């Protein structure tokens, strides 16, 4: 077989010529140079490692400032494409090694530090990572994050404090009545039907105090007037009265007559009689009359005649009255108006249930959402809602407790300020900077109403005389009461004095204090019996006397939980 030498091959000679063209000139290690064939070498004096890494990481912006221009890179790629695959790969490795001598491959993905179009490799990043990202996005995220909810509330600002207390005041009408949509819709539809049909009717609103009865009726009145104007009906005349303001219960008929009778007319008949005559015959007057009678139970008399005659006005043939009575008595219609049921004219009853925990929390949050800052911790509002819902479900009570919690925060700030001022006066000038820094840190703790403020407000509101009595007892009598509470836990209703004394000795031994003798223990039980905290029976022997606990376990726990001695005993 004939031998073929490398020097005699035309293809090999072509490869050598390409390699010679691509071979970089010899440069010093400290100063890497750009290949002489590059046409725009004058612009590459500031080439750094960051630019090289940006090119390799795929940064589109960095590629626009790359070392090799696009026409030159195309020519090099054309030259390499004309060679076999093995030599092409080898030539690319030689070119990359000569161009980027200090770059080493990294396993983790490197991210370019340049954040905007105008940045350069030498630009220092003086802002945080988050602000750089926001600047790339046009700053919209920053505007969204600095919304009204992030505005700091300053309890020392009198104007902000006034707005918060005003939002939580009972007399402040909210923009929307929450958690009473069904009741409001029922009453409004009833009034609309009466106006549309020009037919009289009566409605009785009942429920516990603070359940939104009066507030809902005022909102219904406004909605009804707007609906009548839009629907083309004659707007009804409205009479809103509070029955507690009447000197005589029959004064309500005088108020109703003033709406139906032109002024100046003098008739000798009583107002009730005039109304009965007016609604017994057809009249030229077309206006319906909406009567909102709040605190209706104040019209109950001994013979119940006023209340009965008031509802009977809606049963007359030409009556134009829409009577809505509001009261806290749930069974008023059944107890005081039995004759109305016999005449088949008993009013429709709408009951407002007490607010539950979720409803109270929602109402508080909606009132506070109108403020541009956060005033209460969520846990504090939830504690208030739970306690009020368990006690009575009175929304007015919840608003008063929240206002009282703000006053607790004010008192804490005043106390802290006075203490810090005193400490600043006593310390030397060299220590004032440290004190000022610590005071500035403490101020951040007073930004919102915390759960401890709410707990103090709740204890102040729901403090019972029993709790005051227990807290005023001497320590040994409190120990006797605590032992009684632990002894009666479970199913036990009563015990004898001898068994209770054993429980008392066990607590004293556990607390490592000396217990009293049985005679002294019996005297202490007699004192607790006189206070009404326990009931002590009669027996010839003191040890056989029956003992019963007369106060709630929760009251004893609440009264003694602040005393360190009883913390383990109560658990």
Protein backbone atom coordinates (compact mmCIF):
# COMPACT_ATOMS: atom_id res chain seq x y z
CA UNK A 1 0.00 0.00 0.00
CA UNK A 2 1.43 3.36 -0.92
CA UNK A 3 2.31 5.60 2.01
CA UNK A 4 0.73 9.08 2.28
CA UNK A 5 2.65 11.75 4.19
CA UNK A 6 1.01 14.60 6.11
CA UNK A 7 3.01 17.19 4.20
CA UNK A 8 1.81 15.96 0.85
CA UNK A 9 -1.94 16.30 1.70
CA UNK A 10 -3.59 19.51 0.39
CA UNK A 11 -6.29 19.25 3.08
CA UNK A 12 -3.72 19.18 5.87
CA UNK A 13 -1.95 22.21 4.44
CA UNK A 14 -5.29 24.10 4.44
CA UNK A 15 -5.82 23.26 8.08
CA UNK A 16 -2.37 24.52 9.02
CA UNK A 17 -3.07 27.78 7.29
CA UNK A 18 -6.29 28.22 9.26
CA UNK A 19 -4.54 27.39 12.53
CA UNK A 20 -1.86 29.95 11.83
CA UNK A 21 -4.46 32.57 11.15
CA UNK A 22 -6.28 31.83 14.39
CA UNK A 23 -3.22 31.52 16.64
CA UNK A 24 -3.09 34.46 19.13
CA UNK A 25 0.07 36.47 19.63
CA UNK A 26 2.18 35.83 22.70
CA UNK A 27 1.31 38.21 25.53
CA UNK A 28 2.32 38.66 29.13
CA UNK A 29 0.11 36.96 31.81
CA UNK A 30 -0.63 40.21 33.59
CA UNK A 31 -1.93 42.04 30.53
CA UNK A 32 -4.13 39.98 28.19
CA UNK A 33 -4.43 41.37 24.71
CA UNK A 34 -7.14 41.12 22.09
CA UNK A 35 -6.40 39.31 18.82
CA UNK A 36 -4.96 41.68 16.26
CA UNK A 37 -7.48 40.62 13.66
CA UNK A 38 -10.33 42.18 15.69
CA UNK A 39 -11.46 45.30 13.86
CA UNK A 40 -12.84 47.16 16.88
CA UNK A 41 -9.96 46.55 19.28
CA UNK A 42 -9.88 50.18 20.30
CA UNK A 43 -13.07 49.76 22.27
CA UNK A 44 -11.79 46.79 24.32
CA UNK A 45 -9.38 48.51 26.68
CA UNK A 46 -11.80 48.14 29.61
CA UNK A 47 -12.50 44.46 29.08
CA UNK A 48 -12.73 42.66 32.42
CA UNK A 49 -13.56 39.25 33.80
CA UNK A 50 -17.11 40.33 34.62
CA UNK A 51 -17.76 40.98 30.94
CA UNK A 52 -16.45 37.57 30.05
CA UNK A 53 -18.64 35.87 32.61
CA UNK A 54 -21.63 37.90 31.44
CA UNK A 55 -21.07 36.66 27.92
CA UNK A 56 -20.88 33.05 29.05
CA UNK A 57 -23.92 33.30 31.36
CA UNK A 58 -26.19 34.29 28.53
CA UNK A 59 -26.87 37.86 29.66
CA UNK A 60 -28.46 39.50 26.65
CA UNK A 61 -27.41 42.99 27.65
CA UNK A 62 -23.82 41.95 28.23
CA UNK A 63 -23.71 40.27 24.84
CA UNK A 64 -24.27 43.67 23.23
CA UNK A 65 -20.91 44.82 24.75
CA UNK A 66 -18.97 41.61 24.02
CA UNK A 67 -15.34 41.60 22.95
CA UNK A 68 -15.69 40.12 19.51
CA UNK A 69 -17.96 42.01 17.14
CA UNK A 70 -20.65 40.19 15.22
CA UNK A 71 -19.02 40.40 11.74
CA UNK A 72 -15.70 39.13 13.10
CA UNK A 73 -17.33 36.30 15.01
CA UNK A 74 -19.20 35.29 11.86
CA UNK A 75 -15.96 35.12 9.91
CA UNK A 76 -14.32 32.97 12.58
CA UNK A 77 -17.34 30.69 12.68
CA UNK A 78 -17.19 30.38 8.86
CA UNK A 79 -13.55 29.43 9.03
CA UNK A 80 -14.20 26.82 11.67
CA UNK A 81 -17.18 25.38 9.85
CA UNK A 82 -14.98 24.57 6.84
CA UNK A 83 -12.84 22.13 8.87
CA UNK A 84 -13.70 18.63 10.09
CA UNK A 85 -15.54 18.28 13.43
CA UNK A 86 -12.52 17.17 15.46
CA UNK A 87 -10.33 20.10 14.40
CA UNK A 88 -13.27 22.51 14.73
CA UNK A 89 -13.76 21.70 18.40
CA UNK A 90 -10.02 21.88 19.01
CA UNK A 91 -9.81 25.29 17.32
CA UNK A 92 -12.71 26.70 19.39
CA UNK A 93 -10.98 25.58 22.58
CA UNK A 94 -7.77 27.34 21.51
CA UNK A 95 -9.68 30.54 20.73
CA UNK A 96 -11.57 30.57 24.05
CA UNK A 97 -8.41 29.81 26.04
CA UNK A 98 -6.56 32.67 24.42
CA UNK A 99 -9.41 35.16 24.75
CA UNK A 100 -10.54 34.34 28.33
CA UNK A 101 -7.41 33.15 30.16
CA UNK A 102 -8.65 33.65 33.75
CA UNK A 103 -12.22 32.34 33.49
CA UNK A 104 -12.95 29.00 35.13
CA UNK A 105 -16.23 27.13 34.69
CA UNK A 106 -18.57 27.14 37.66
CA UNK A 107 -21.12 24.50 38.55
CA UNK A 108 -23.63 27.03 39.92
CA UNK A 109 -25.38 29.50 37.63
CA UNK A 110 -23.82 32.94 37.92
CA UNK A 111 -26.10 35.97 37.72
CA UNK A 112 -25.00 39.22 36.19
CA UNK A 113 -24.76 42.15 38.60
CA UNK A 114 -25.89 44.68 36.01
CA UNK A 115 -29.55 45.56 36.56
CA UNK A 116 -30.32 48.22 34.00
CA UNK A 117 -29.36 49.22 30.47
CA UNK A 118 -27.18 52.14 31.53
CA UNK A 119 -25.05 50.11 33.93
CA UNK A 120 -21.38 49.33 33.30
CA UNK A 121 -19.19 46.55 34.66
CA UNK A 122 -17.51 49.06 37.01
CA UNK A 123 -20.83 50.38 38.40
CA UNK A 124 -21.07 49.65 42.13
CA UNK A 125 -24.35 48.34 43.50
CA UNK A 126 -25.25 50.77 46.28
CA UNK A 127 -28.82 49.71 46.73
CA UNK A 128 -30.41 46.52 47.95
CA UNK A 129 -31.31 43.60 45.73
CA UNK A 130 -35.03 44.25 46.10
CA UNK A 131 -34.80 47.91 45.11
CA UNK A 132 -32.74 46.96 42.04
CA UNK A 133 -35.39 44.52 40.91
CA UNK A 134 -38.09 47.13 41.43
CA UNK A 135 -36.16 49.64 39.32
CA UNK A 136 -36.03 47.15 36.47
CA UNK A 137 -39.79 46.64 36.73
CA UNK A 138 -40.46 50.36 36.52
CA UNK A 139 -41.07 50.96 40.23
CA UNK A 140 -44.65 49.65 40.30
CA UNK A 141 -43.93 47.12 43.04
CA UNK A 142 -42.59 49.84 45.31
CA UNK A 143 -45.78 51.84 44.93
CA UNK A 144 -47.90 48.79 45.70
CA UNK A 145 -45.90 47.96 48.79
CA UNK A 146 -46.09 51.50 50.19
CA UNK A 147 -49.88 51.49 50.33
CA UNK A 148 -52.15 53.13 52.85
CA UNK A 149 -52.13 50.10 55.14
CA UNK A 150 -48.37 50.50 55.76
CA UNK A 151 -48.71 54.05 57.12
CA UNK A 152 -47.46 54.06 60.69
CA UNK A 153 -49.92 54.96 63.39
CA UNK A 154 -48.56 57.36 65.97
CA UNK A 155 -50.48 57.15 69.27
CA UNK A 156 -48.95 60.48 70.31
CA UNK A 157 -50.63 62.24 67.38
CA UNK A 158 -53.82 63.80 68.72
CA UNK A 159 -55.51 63.96 65.30
CA UNK A 160 -54.89 60.26 64.56
CA UNK A 161 -56.08 59.34 68.04
CA UNK A 162 -59.27 61.34 67.54
CA UNK A 163 -60.00 59.62 64.21
CA UNK A 164 -59.52 56.15 65.72
CA UNK A 165 -61.80 56.85 68.68
CA UNK A 166 -64.37 58.39 66.38
CA UNK A 167 -64.38 55.31 64.14
CA UNK A 168 -64.99 53.11 67.20
CA UNK A 169 -67.68 55.31 68.73
CA UNK A 170 -71.20 53.92 69.05
CA UNK A 171 -72.77 57.01 67.48
CA UNK A 172 -70.61 56.75 64.32
CA UNK A 173 -72.66 55.22 61.52
CA UNK A 174 -70.58 52.86 59.38
CA UNK A 175 -70.57 53.12 55.61
CA UNK A 176 -72.08 49.64 55.35
CA UNK A 177 -74.08 47.56 57.84
CA UNK A 178 -72.35 44.19 58.06
CA UNK A 179 -73.85 40.88 59.22
CA UNK A 180 -77.44 42.19 59.06
CA UNK A 181 -78.08 41.86 55.33
CA UNK A 182 -80.92 39.31 55.69
CA UNK A 183 -82.83 41.28 58.33
CA UNK A 184 -82.40 44.52 56.39
CA UNK A 185 -83.66 42.90 53.20
CA UNK A 186 -86.73 41.45 54.98
CA UNK A 187 -87.77 44.80 56.46
CA UNK A 188 -87.07 46.73 53.26
CA UNK A 189 -89.11 44.36 51.08
CA UNK A 190 -92.01 44.57 53.54
CA UNK A 191 -91.97 48.38 53.39
CA UNK A 192 -91.69 48.39 49.59
CA UNK A 193 -94.75 46.14 49.29
CA UNK A 194 -96.76 48.41 51.59
CA UNK A 195 -95.82 51.53 49.60
CA UNK A 196 -96.44 49.91 46.21
CA UNK A 197 -99.86 48.51 47.23
CA UNK A 198 -100.74 51.53 49.42
CA UNK A 199 -101.55 49.11 52.18
CA UNK A 200 -100.95 49.50 55.92
CA UNK A 201 -98.96 46.97 57.90
CA UNK A 202 -97.06 46.41 61.13
CA UNK A 203 -93.69 44.91 61.94
CA UNK A 204 -92.06 44.16 65.27
CA UNK A 205 -88.25 44.16 65.55
CA UNK A 206 -86.85 42.46 68.65
CA UNK A 207 -83.46 41.34 69.87
CA UNK A 208 -80.85 41.74 72.57
CA UNK A 209 -79.26 45.15 73.15
CA UNK A 210 -76.45 46.07 70.79
CA UNK A 211 -77.53 43.82 67.90
CA UNK A 212 -77.99 46.60 65.31
CA UNK A 213 -81.79 47.02 65.39
CA UNK A 214 -81.98 50.83 65.44
CA UNK A 215 -79.05 51.23 63.06
CA UNK A 216 -80.60 48.86 60.53
CA UNK A 217 -83.96 50.64 60.68
CA UNK A 218 -82.34 54.00 60.00
CA UNK A 219 -80.63 52.52 56.97
CA UNK A 220 -83.92 50.98 55.78
CA UNK A 221 -85.59 54.40 56.06
CA UNK A 222 -83.04 55.97 53.73
CA UNK A 223 -83.17 53.12 51.23
CA UNK A 224 -86.96 53.20 51.15
CA UNK A 225 -87.10 56.93 50.39
CA UNK A 226 -84.56 56.57 47.58
CA UNK A 227 -86.43 53.59 46.11
CA UNK A 228 -89.77 55.43 46.17
CA UNK A 229 -88.28 58.41 44.30
CA UNK A 230 -86.65 56.18 41.68
CA UNK A 231 -89.70 53.95 41.20
CA UNK A 232 -92.07 56.90 40.77
CA UNK A 233 -94.09 56.42 43.97
CA UNK A 234 -95.01 59.17 46.39
CA UNK A 235 -92.34 59.39 49.05
CA UNK A 236 -93.79 58.33 52.42
CA UNK A 237 -93.75 60.64 55.41
CA UNK A 238 -91.40 59.36 58.11
CA UNK A 239 -91.80 59.64 61.86
CA UNK A 240 -88.86 58.38 63.96
CA UNK A 241 -89.51 58.54 67.70
CA UNK A 242 -87.90 57.15 70.82
CA UNK A 243 -90.65 56.23 73.24
CA UNK A 244 -88.49 57.02 76.26
CA UNK A 245 -88.81 60.73 75.41
CA UNK A 246 -92.59 60.82 75.98
CA UNK A 247 -93.92 62.19 79.24
CA UNK A 248 -97.25 60.47 78.62
CA UNK A 249 -97.52 57.28 76.63
CA UNK A 250 -100.42 58.70 74.63
CA UNK A 251 -98.18 61.45 73.24
CA UNK A 252 -97.23 59.15 70.37
CA UNK A 253 -100.72 59.65 68.85
CA UNK A 254 -100.16 63.41 68.91
CA UNK A 255 -96.92 62.96 66.96
CA UNK A 256 -98.66 60.81 64.34
CA UNK A 257 -101.52 63.26 64.01
CA UNK A 258 -99.12 66.13 63.27
CA UNK A 259 -98.03 64.35 60.10
CA UNK A 260 -101.59 63.76 58.86
CA UNK A 261 -103.29 67.01 59.86
CA UNK A 262 -102.63 70.49 58.53
CA UNK A 263 -101.51 72.94 61.24
CA UNK A 264 -104.03 75.40 62.65
CA UNK A 265 -106.96 72.96 62.90
CA UNK A 266 -108.39 72.63 66.38
CA UNK A 267 -110.63 69.67 67.18
CA UNK A 268 -111.93 68.82 70.62
CA UNK A 269 -111.50 65.04 70.15
CA UNK A 270 -108.45 63.25 71.47
CA UNK A 271 -105.57 62.57 69.05
CA UNK A 272 -106.32 58.85 69.08
CA UNK A 273 -109.96 59.44 68.24
CA UNK A 274 -109.02 61.79 65.39
CA UNK A 275 -106.68 59.20 63.90
CA UNK A 276 -109.34 56.50 64.12
CA UNK A 277 -111.86 58.74 62.33
CA UNK A 278 -109.30 59.70 59.70
CA UNK A 279 -108.36 56.12 58.84
CA UNK A 280 -111.99 54.92 58.87
CA UNK A 281 -113.01 56.96 55.85
CA UNK A 282 -111.46 57.63 52.49
CA UNK A 283 -109.25 60.70 52.37
CA UNK A 284 -107.65 62.73 49.61
CA UNK A 285 -104.26 62.35 51.25
CA UNK A 286 -102.10 59.86 49.29
CA UNK A 287 -98.91 59.81 51.38
CA UNK A 288 -98.05 56.69 53.33
CA UNK A 289 -96.70 57.23 56.83
CA UNK A 290 -93.68 55.24 58.06
CA UNK A 291 -93.58 55.16 61.88
CA UNK A 292 -90.35 53.96 63.54
CA UNK A 293 -91.08 53.56 67.27
CA UNK A 294 -87.86 52.68 69.15
CA UNK A 295 -87.97 51.34 72.72
CA UNK A 296 -91.57 50.32 72.19
CA UNK A 297 -91.81 48.53 75.54
CA UNK A 298 -91.94 51.95 77.27
CA UNK A 299 -95.52 52.27 75.97
CA UNK A 300 -96.66 49.27 78.04
CA UNK A 301 -99.19 50.47 80.59
CA UNK A 302 -101.17 48.62 83.19
CA UNK A 303 -104.10 48.04 80.88
CA UNK A 304 -101.83 47.88 77.76
CA UNK A 305 -104.32 50.10 75.96
CA UNK A 306 -101.80 52.45 74.29
CA UNK A 307 -99.75 49.65 72.75
CA UNK A 308 -102.87 47.84 71.59
CA UNK A 309 -104.46 50.98 70.07
CA UNK A 310 -101.22 51.83 68.26
CA UNK A 311 -101.11 48.51 66.41
CA UNK A 312 -104.86 48.62 65.78
CA UNK A 313 -104.40 51.78 63.69
CA UNK A 314 -102.86 49.62 60.93
CA UNK A 315 -106.01 47.46 60.75
CA UNK A 316 -108.44 50.28 59.91
CA UNK A 317 -109.88 50.13 56.36
CA UNK A 318 -108.27 53.34 55.02
CA UNK A 319 -105.18 53.34 57.18
CA UNK A 320 -101.92 54.44 55.57
CA UNK A 321 -99.60 53.62 58.46
CA UNK A 322 -96.53 51.40 58.21
CA UNK A 323 -95.70 50.78 61.86
CA UNK A 324 -92.32 49.34 62.83
CA UNK A 325 -91.86 48.81 66.57
CA UNK A 326 -88.39 48.18 68.01
CA UNK A 327 -87.76 46.69 71.43
CA UNK A 328 -85.48 44.35 73.36
CA UNK A 329 -88.38 42.18 74.60
CA UNK A 330 -88.57 39.13 72.34
CA UNK A 331 -92.01 37.97 73.54
CA UNK A 332 -93.70 41.38 73.65
CA UNK A 333 -96.19 40.55 70.89
CA UNK A 334 -97.20 37.30 72.60
CA UNK A 335 -97.42 38.62 76.16
CA UNK A 336 -98.89 42.11 75.70
CA UNK A 337 -100.83 41.91 72.45
CA UNK A 338 -102.91 38.72 72.71
CA UNK A 339 -106.00 40.40 71.26
CA UNK A 340 -104.16 41.22 68.05
CA UNK A 341 -103.58 37.54 67.43
CA UNK A 342 -107.29 36.83 67.93
CA UNK A 343 -108.12 39.52 65.35
CA UNK A 344 -105.60 38.02 62.92
CA UNK A 345 -103.58 41.24 62.86
CA UNK A 346 -100.52 40.18 64.85
CA UNK A 347 -97.43 42.04 63.57
CA UNK A 348 -94.70 40.25 61.66
CA UNK A 349 -91.82 39.54 64.03
CA UNK A 350 -88.18 39.91 62.89
CA UNK A 351 -85.63 38.77 65.46
CA UNK A 352 -82.08 40.11 65.58
CA UNK A 353 -79.85 37.43 67.04
CA UNK A 354 -76.84 38.25 69.19
CA UNK A 355 -73.59 38.64 67.27
CA UNK A 356 -71.24 35.67 67.21
CA UNK A 357 -67.45 35.87 67.42
CA UNK A 358 -66.85 35.99 63.65
CA UNK A 359 -69.48 38.69 63.14
CA UNK A 360 -68.05 40.93 65.89
CA UNK A 361 -64.55 40.50 64.48
CA UNK A 362 -65.75 41.34 60.95
CA UNK A 363 -67.57 44.49 62.10
CA UNK A 364 -64.53 45.73 64.04
CA UNK A 365 -62.24 45.10 61.08
CA UNK A 366 -64.56 46.90 58.67
CA UNK A 367 -64.72 49.95 60.93
CA UNK A 368 -60.93 50.01 61.29
CA UNK A 369 -60.30 49.36 57.58
CA UNK A 370 -61.39 52.91 56.79
CA UNK A 371 -58.29 54.18 58.62
CA UNK A 372 -55.00 54.41 56.66
CA UNK A 373 -52.96 52.72 59.40
CA UNK A 374 -53.02 49.62 61.58
CA UNK A 375 -54.14 50.28 65.16
CA UNK A 376 -54.89 46.84 66.68
CA UNK A 377 -53.11 43.52 66.56
CA UNK A 378 -55.32 40.84 65.04
CA UNK A 379 -55.01 38.70 68.18
CA UNK A 380 -56.27 41.58 70.32
CA UNK A 381 -59.39 42.04 68.17
CA UNK A 382 -60.02 38.30 68.19
CA UNK A 383 -59.77 38.19 72.00
CA UNK A 384 -62.31 41.01 72.26
CA UNK A 385 -64.68 39.30 69.83
CA UNK A 386 -64.50 35.96 71.66
CA UNK A 387 -65.12 37.45 75.09
CA UNK A 388 -68.01 39.69 74.02
CA UNK A 389 -69.66 36.91 71.99
CA UNK A 390 -69.46 34.54 74.95
CA UNK A 391 -70.84 37.13 77.35
CA UNK A 392 -73.69 38.90 75.54
CA UNK A 393 -72.99 39.48 71.83
CA UNK A 394 -73.44 43.24 72.32
CA UNK A 395 -71.60 45.14 69.60
CA UNK A 396 -71.74 48.38 71.57
CA UNK A 397 -69.88 46.66 74.39
CA UNK A 398 -67.18 45.52 71.96
CA UNK A 399 -66.69 49.07 70.66
CA UNK A 400 -66.39 50.44 74.20
CA UNK A 401 -63.82 47.76 75.09
CA UNK A 402 -61.70 48.64 72.04
CA UNK A 403 -61.78 52.33 72.98
CA UNK A 404 -60.77 51.42 76.51
CA UNK A 405 -57.85 49.35 75.16
CA UNK A 406 -56.59 52.43 73.30
CA UNK A 407 -56.70 54.32 76.59
CA UNK A 408 -54.58 51.54 78.15
CA UNK A 409 -52.00 52.08 75.41
CA UNK A 410 -52.04 55.84 76.05
CA UNK A 411 -51.44 55.27 79.76
CA UNK A 412 -48.54 52.94 79.03
CA UNK A 413 -46.92 55.48 76.70
CA UNK A 414 -47.27 58.26 79.28
CA UNK A 415 -45.71 56.07 81.97
CA UNK A 416 -42.83 55.04 79.71
CA UNK A 417 -42.18 58.63 78.68
CA UNK A 418 -42.05 59.85 82.26
CA UNK A 419 -39.64 57.06 83.24
CA UNK A 420 -37.34 57.74 80.30
CA UNK A 421 -37.25 61.46 81.07
CA UNK A 422 -36.34 60.73 84.69
CA UNK A 423 -33.55 58.35 83.69
CA UNK A 424 -32.14 60.87 81.21
CA UNK A 425 -31.88 63.52 83.90
CA UNK A 426 -30.04 61.18 86.26
CA UNK A 427 -27.52 59.81 83.77
CA UNK A 428 -24.35 61.51 82.61
CA UNK A 429 -24.02 63.11 79.19
CA UNK A 430 -21.81 60.26 77.97
CA UNK A 431 -24.61 57.76 78.52
CA UNK A 432 -27.37 59.80 76.94
CA UNK A 433 -26.80 58.40 73.44
CA UNK A 434 -27.25 54.84 74.66
CA UNK A 435 -30.42 55.79 76.53
CA UNK A 436 -31.83 57.59 73.51
CA UNK A 437 -31.22 54.53 71.31
CA UNK A 438 -32.91 52.19 73.77
CA UNK A 439 -35.88 54.55 74.11
CA UNK A 440 -36.19 54.70 70.32
CA UNK A 441 -36.28 50.91 70.23
CA UNK A 442 -38.98 50.78 72.90
CA UNK A 443 -41.18 53.21 70.99
CA UNK A 444 -41.70 50.59 68.31
CA UNK A 445 -43.42 48.41 70.89
CA UNK A 446 -46.13 51.06 71.29
CA UNK A 447 -47.18 51.13 67.65
CA UNK A 448 -50.34 49.05 68.04
CA UNK A 449 -52.81 47.97 70.69
CA UNK A 450 -51.55 44.60 71.86
CA UNK A 451 -53.33 41.64 73.36
CA UNK A 452 -52.29 42.60 76.92
CA UNK A 453 -53.98 45.99 76.52
CA UNK A 454 -57.16 44.24 75.40
CA UNK A 455 -56.98 41.81 78.33
CA UNK A 456 -56.75 44.71 80.78
CA UNK A 457 -59.70 46.43 79.13
CA UNK A 458 -61.78 43.23 79.26
CA UNK A 459 -60.99 42.64 82.92
CA UNK A 460 -61.96 46.22 83.68
CA UNK A 461 -65.27 45.87 81.81
CA UNK A 462 -66.33 42.45 83.06
CA UNK A 463 -64.97 42.76 86.56
CA UNK A 464 -67.55 41.34 88.97
CA UNK A 465 -68.00 42.05 92.70
CA UNK A 466 -67.11 38.41 93.40
CA UNK A 467 -63.64 38.91 91.91
CA UNK A 468 -63.10 42.00 94.04
CA UNK A 469 -64.17 40.09 97.14
CA UNK A 470 -61.79 37.18 96.44
CA UNK A 471 -58.86 39.51 95.77
CA UNK A 472 -59.45 41.38 99.04
CA UNK A 473 -59.24 38.19 101.16
CA UNK A 474 -56.16 37.39 103.26
CA UNK A 475 -53.73 34.89 101.76
CA UNK A 476 -54.73 31.93 103.99
CA UNK A 477 -58.41 32.39 103.20
CA UNK A 478 -57.53 32.52 99.49
CA UNK A 479 -55.68 29.22 99.95
CA UNK A 480 -58.81 27.69 101.54
CA UNK A 481 -60.91 28.91 98.62
CA UNK A 482 -58.40 27.59 96.08
CA UNK A 483 -58.37 24.19 97.79
CA UNK A 484 -62.18 24.17 97.67
CA UNK A 485 -62.09 24.87 93.94
CA UNK A 486 -59.66 22.03 93.28
CA UNK A 487 -61.63 19.67 95.51
CA UNK A 488 -64.92 20.34 93.71
CA UNK A 489 -63.50 19.94 90.20
CA UNK A 490 -65.27 17.19 88.30
CA UNK A 491 -68.56 15.70 89.44
CA UNK A 492 -68.44 16.57 93.15
CA UNK A 493 -71.14 19.00 94.26
CA UNK A 494 -70.54 18.96 98.03
CA UNK A 495 -68.23 17.47 100.61
CA UNK A 496 -67.64 17.50 104.37
CA UNK A 497 -65.31 19.86 106.17
CA UNK A 498 -62.92 17.07 107.16
CA UNK A 499 -62.30 16.07 103.51
CA UNK A 500 -61.83 19.70 102.51
CA UNK A 501 -59.24 20.10 105.28
CA UNK A 502 -57.23 17.23 103.77
CA UNK A 503 -57.20 19.00 100.41
CA UNK A 504 -56.11 22.20 102.13
CA UNK A 505 -53.20 20.43 103.86
CA UNK A 506 -52.15 18.90 100.53
CA UNK A 507 -51.88 22.34 98.90
CA UNK A 508 -49.92 23.71 101.86
CA UNK A 509 -47.52 20.76 101.70
CA UNK A 510 -47.10 21.19 97.95
CA UNK A 511 -46.39 24.89 98.39
CA UNK A 512 -44.07 24.22 101.34
CA UNK A 513 -45.91 26.46 103.79
CA UNK A 514 -47.15 25.68 107.27
CA UNK A 515 -50.83 24.76 107.36
CA UNK A 516 -53.30 26.05 109.95
CA UNK A 517 -54.88 23.80 112.53
CA UNK A 518 -58.36 22.39 112.06
CA UNK A 519 -60.01 24.87 114.45
CA UNK A 520 -58.41 27.82 112.65
CA UNK A 521 -59.37 26.25 109.31
CA UNK A 522 -62.97 25.92 110.48
CA UNK A 523 -63.01 29.60 111.50
CA UNK A 524 -61.74 30.62 108.03
CA UNK A 525 -64.49 28.56 106.39
CA UNK A 526 -67.03 30.34 108.58
CA UNK A 527 -65.74 33.71 107.30
CA UNK A 528 -65.98 32.52 103.68
CA UNK A 529 -69.54 31.40 104.39
CA UNK A 530 -70.40 34.89 105.66
CA UNK A 531 -68.90 36.37 102.46
CA UNK A 532 -71.17 34.12 100.38
CA UNK A 533 -68.29 32.29 98.71
CA UNK A 534 -69.03 28.86 100.20
CA UNK A 535 -72.02 27.38 101.98
CA UNK A 536 -71.40 25.70 105.31
CA UNK A 537 -74.00 23.30 106.66
CA UNK A 538 -74.99 22.47 110.25
CA UNK A 539 -73.70 19.51 112.24
CA UNK A 540 -72.78 18.61 115.80
CA UNK A 541 -69.20 17.85 114.74
CA UNK A 542 -67.28 20.39 112.68
CA UNK A 543 -65.62 17.71 110.55
CA UNK A 544 -69.01 16.42 109.38
CA UNK A 545 -70.37 19.81 108.24
CA UNK A 546 -71.31 19.83 104.58
CA UNK A 547 -69.49 22.34 102.36
CA UNK A 548 -70.67 23.61 98.96
CA UNK A 549 -68.88 26.07 96.66
CA UNK A 550 -71.15 29.04 95.85
CA UNK A 551 -69.03 30.91 93.27
CA UNK A 552 -67.98 30.00 89.77
CA UNK A 553 -64.60 28.36 89.26
CA UNK A 554 -63.80 30.86 86.49
CA UNK A 555 -64.18 33.79 88.92
CA UNK A 556 -61.75 32.21 91.37
CA UNK A 557 -59.25 31.51 88.58
CA UNK A 558 -59.52 35.02 87.22
CA UNK A 559 -59.11 36.59 90.67
CA UNK A 560 -56.07 34.53 91.67
CA UNK A 561 -54.23 34.15 88.35
CA UNK A 562 -52.17 37.29 88.91
CA UNK A 563 -50.74 35.99 92.21
CA UNK A 564 -47.57 33.93 91.70
CA UNK A 565 -48.31 31.65 94.66
CA UNK A 566 -51.49 30.30 93.02
CA UNK A 567 -50.17 29.80 89.50
CA UNK A 568 -49.33 26.14 90.09
CA UNK A 569 -52.38 25.53 92.28
CA UNK A 570 -54.84 26.81 89.69
CA UNK A 571 -53.54 24.55 86.92
